[in-house]
């Protein structure tokens, strides 16, 4: 399948790069948020701040799961795409 830029990529490489690079950023963000939640949850008077950190961490965890699903999907599509192309005749 030919795309707009004339290459045979169904999904451009920049989407794969974006999915790979956002995964460690989301993981670090999740661990920082959960660490902050655990520290703040120890104090009784800051329950609202702890809840905000916890729910922000849950949202970040959902984004990690979505990123992993997208990453596996992109890699699967690229693998099928490379299987469809005939080998080069040199």
C-alpha atoms as a PDB file:
ATOM      1  CA  UNK A   1       0.000   0.000   0.000  1.00  0.00           C
ATOM      2  CA  UNK A   2       1.438   3.337  -1.034  1.00  0.00           C
ATOM      3  CA  UNK A   3       0.893   6.257   1.328  1.00  0.00           C
ATOM      4  CA  UNK A   4       1.012  10.001   0.713  1.00  0.00           C
ATOM      5  CA  UNK A   5       4.782  10.286   0.972  1.00  0.00           C
ATOM      6  CA  UNK A   6       5.385   7.616  -1.655  1.00  0.00           C
ATOM      7  CA  UNK A   7       6.745   4.914   0.669  1.00  0.00           C
ATOM      8  CA  UNK A   8       5.256   1.496   1.259  1.00  0.00           C
ATOM      9  CA  UNK A   9       4.621   2.111   4.966  1.00  0.00           C
ATOM     10  CA  UNK A  10       1.056   1.776   6.191  1.00  0.00           C
ATOM     11  CA  UNK A  11       2.082   3.299   9.515  1.00  0.00           C
ATOM     12  CA  UNK A  12       4.995   5.748   9.396  1.00  0.00           C
ATOM     13  CA  UNK A  13       8.062   5.091  11.498  1.00  0.00           C
ATOM     14  CA  UNK A  14       7.497   8.260  13.535  1.00  0.00           C
ATOM     15  CA  UNK A  15       4.384   6.703  15.125  1.00  0.00           C
ATOM     16  CA  UNK A  16       6.440   3.721  16.211  1.00  0.00           C
ATOM     17  CA  UNK A  17       9.118   6.057  17.566  1.00  0.00           C
ATOM     18  CA  UNK A  18       6.492   8.102  19.405  1.00  0.00           C
ATOM     19  CA  UNK A  19       4.934   5.000  20.984  1.00  0.00           C
ATOM     20  CA  UNK A  20       8.333   3.700  22.091  1.00  0.00           C
ATOM     21  CA  UNK A  21       9.507   7.018  23.535  1.00  0.00           C
ATOM     22  CA  UNK A  22       6.317   7.781  25.446  1.00  0.00           C
ATOM     23  CA  UNK A  23       6.402   4.464  27.303  1.00  0.00           C
ATOM     24  CA  UNK A  24       9.363   5.261  29.607  1.00  0.00           C
ATOM     25  CA  UNK A  25       8.046   8.783  30.179  1.00  0.00           C
ATOM     26  CA  UNK A  26       4.684   7.411  31.273  1.00  0.00           C
ATOM     27  CA  UNK A  27       6.330   4.772  33.459  1.00  0.00           C
ATOM     28  CA  UNK A  28       8.484   7.325  35.283  1.00  0.00           C
ATOM     29  CA  UNK A  29       5.486   9.626  35.690  1.00  0.00           C
ATOM     30  CA  UNK A  30       3.414   6.782  37.120  1.00  0.00           C
ATOM     31  CA  UNK A  31       6.077   5.785  39.648  1.00  0.00           C
ATOM     32  CA  UNK A  32       6.631   9.395  40.739  1.00  0.00           C
ATOM     33  CA  UNK A  33       2.895   9.931  41.197  1.00  0.00           C
ATOM     34  CA  UNK A  34       2.465   6.707  43.156  1.00  0.00           C
ATOM     35  CA  UNK A  35       5.495   7.520  45.300  1.00  0.00           C
ATOM     36  CA  UNK A  36       4.068  10.935  46.043  1.00  0.00           C
ATOM     37  CA  UNK A  37       0.724   9.351  46.828  1.00  0.00           C
ATOM     38  CA  UNK A  38       2.312   6.931  49.298  1.00  0.00           C
ATOM     39  CA  UNK A  39       4.197   9.746  51.010  1.00  0.00           C
ATOM     40  CA  UNK A  40       1.209  12.063  51.242  1.00  0.00           C
ATOM     41  CA  UNK A  41      -1.224   9.296  52.240  1.00  0.00           C
ATOM     42  CA  UNK A  42       0.757   8.812  55.476  1.00  0.00           C
ATOM     43  CA  UNK A  43      -0.431  12.200  56.695  1.00  0.00           C
ATOM     44  CA  UNK A  44      -4.048  12.354  57.802  1.00  0.00           C
ATOM     45  CA  UNK A  45      -4.757  15.985  56.909  1.00  0.00           C
ATOM     46  CA  UNK A  46      -3.906  15.769  53.188  1.00  0.00           C
ATOM     47  CA  UNK A  47      -6.414  13.202  51.981  1.00  0.00           C
ATOM     48  CA  UNK A  48      -7.589  15.333  49.031  1.00  0.00           C
ATOM     49  CA  UNK A  49      -4.035  15.720  47.721  1.00  0.00           C
ATOM     50  CA  UNK A  50      -3.492  11.973  48.089  1.00  0.00           C
ATOM     51  CA  UNK A  51      -6.687  11.230  46.175  1.00  0.00           C
ATOM     52  CA  UNK A  52      -5.673  13.602  43.376  1.00  0.00           C
ATOM     53  CA  UNK A  53      -2.273  11.934  43.092  1.00  0.00           C
ATOM     54  CA  UNK A  54      -3.832   8.460  43.160  1.00  0.00           C
ATOM     55  CA  UNK A  55      -6.376   9.218  40.437  1.00  0.00           C
ATOM     56  CA  UNK A  56      -3.761  10.957  38.320  1.00  0.00           C
ATOM     57  CA  UNK A  57      -1.616   7.843  38.711  1.00  0.00           C
ATOM     58  CA  UNK A  58      -4.537   5.634  37.666  1.00  0.00           C
ATOM     59  CA  UNK A  59      -5.038   7.763  34.550  1.00  0.00           C
ATOM     60  CA  UNK A  60      -1.321   7.475  33.825  1.00  0.00           C
ATOM     61  CA  UNK A  61      -1.545   3.682  34.241  1.00  0.00           C
ATOM     62  CA  UNK A  62      -4.414   3.586  31.746  1.00  0.00           C
ATOM     63  CA  UNK A  63      -2.302   5.609  29.302  1.00  0.00           C
ATOM     64  CA  UNK A  64       0.531   3.083  29.760  1.00  0.00           C
ATOM     65  CA  UNK A  65      -1.843   0.227  28.922  1.00  0.00           C
ATOM     66  CA  UNK A  66      -3.174   2.084  25.871  1.00  0.00           C
ATOM     67  CA  UNK A  67       0.393   2.855  24.750  1.00  0.00           C
ATOM     68  CA  UNK A  68       1.355  -0.821  25.052  1.00  0.00           C
ATOM     69  CA  UNK A  69      -1.688  -1.893  23.028  1.00  0.00           C
ATOM     70  CA  UNK A  70      -0.899   0.691  20.337  1.00  0.00           C
ATOM     71  CA  UNK A  71       2.765  -0.349  20.303  1.00  0.00           C
ATOM     72  CA  UNK A  72       1.903  -4.033  19.848  1.00  0.00           C
ATOM     73  CA  UNK A  73      -0.610  -3.122  17.153  1.00  0.00           C
ATOM     74  CA  UNK A  74       1.899  -1.003  15.241  1.00  0.00           C
ATOM     75  CA  UNK A  75       4.524  -3.746  15.442  1.00  0.00           C
ATOM     76  CA  UNK A  76       1.998  -6.354  14.290  1.00  0.00           C
ATOM     77  CA  UNK A  77       0.911  -4.252  11.323  1.00  0.00           C
ATOM     78  CA  UNK A  78       4.533  -3.605  10.348  1.00  0.00           C
ATOM     79  CA  UNK A  79       5.313  -7.335  10.621  1.00  0.00           C
ATOM     80  CA  UNK A  80       2.369  -8.262   8.390  1.00  0.00           C
ATOM     81  CA  UNK A  81       3.317  -5.478   6.013  1.00  0.00           C
ATOM     82  CA  UNK A  82       6.880  -6.771   5.698  1.00  0.00           C
ATOM     83  CA  UNK A  83       5.594 -10.308   5.073  1.00  0.00           C
ATOM     84  CA  UNK A  84       3.434  -9.078   2.188  1.00  0.00           C
ATOM     85  CA  UNK A  85       6.369  -7.525   0.338  1.00  0.00           C
ATOM     86  CA  UNK A  86       8.214  -9.836  -2.054  1.00  0.00           C
ATOM     87  CA  UNK A  87      11.932 -10.338  -1.358  1.00  0.00           C
ATOM     88  CA  UNK A  88      14.335  -8.188  -3.341  1.00  0.00           C
ATOM     89  CA  UNK A  89      15.680  -9.825  -6.482  1.00  0.00           C
ATOM     90  CA  UNK A  90      19.362  -8.842  -6.566  1.00  0.00           C
END
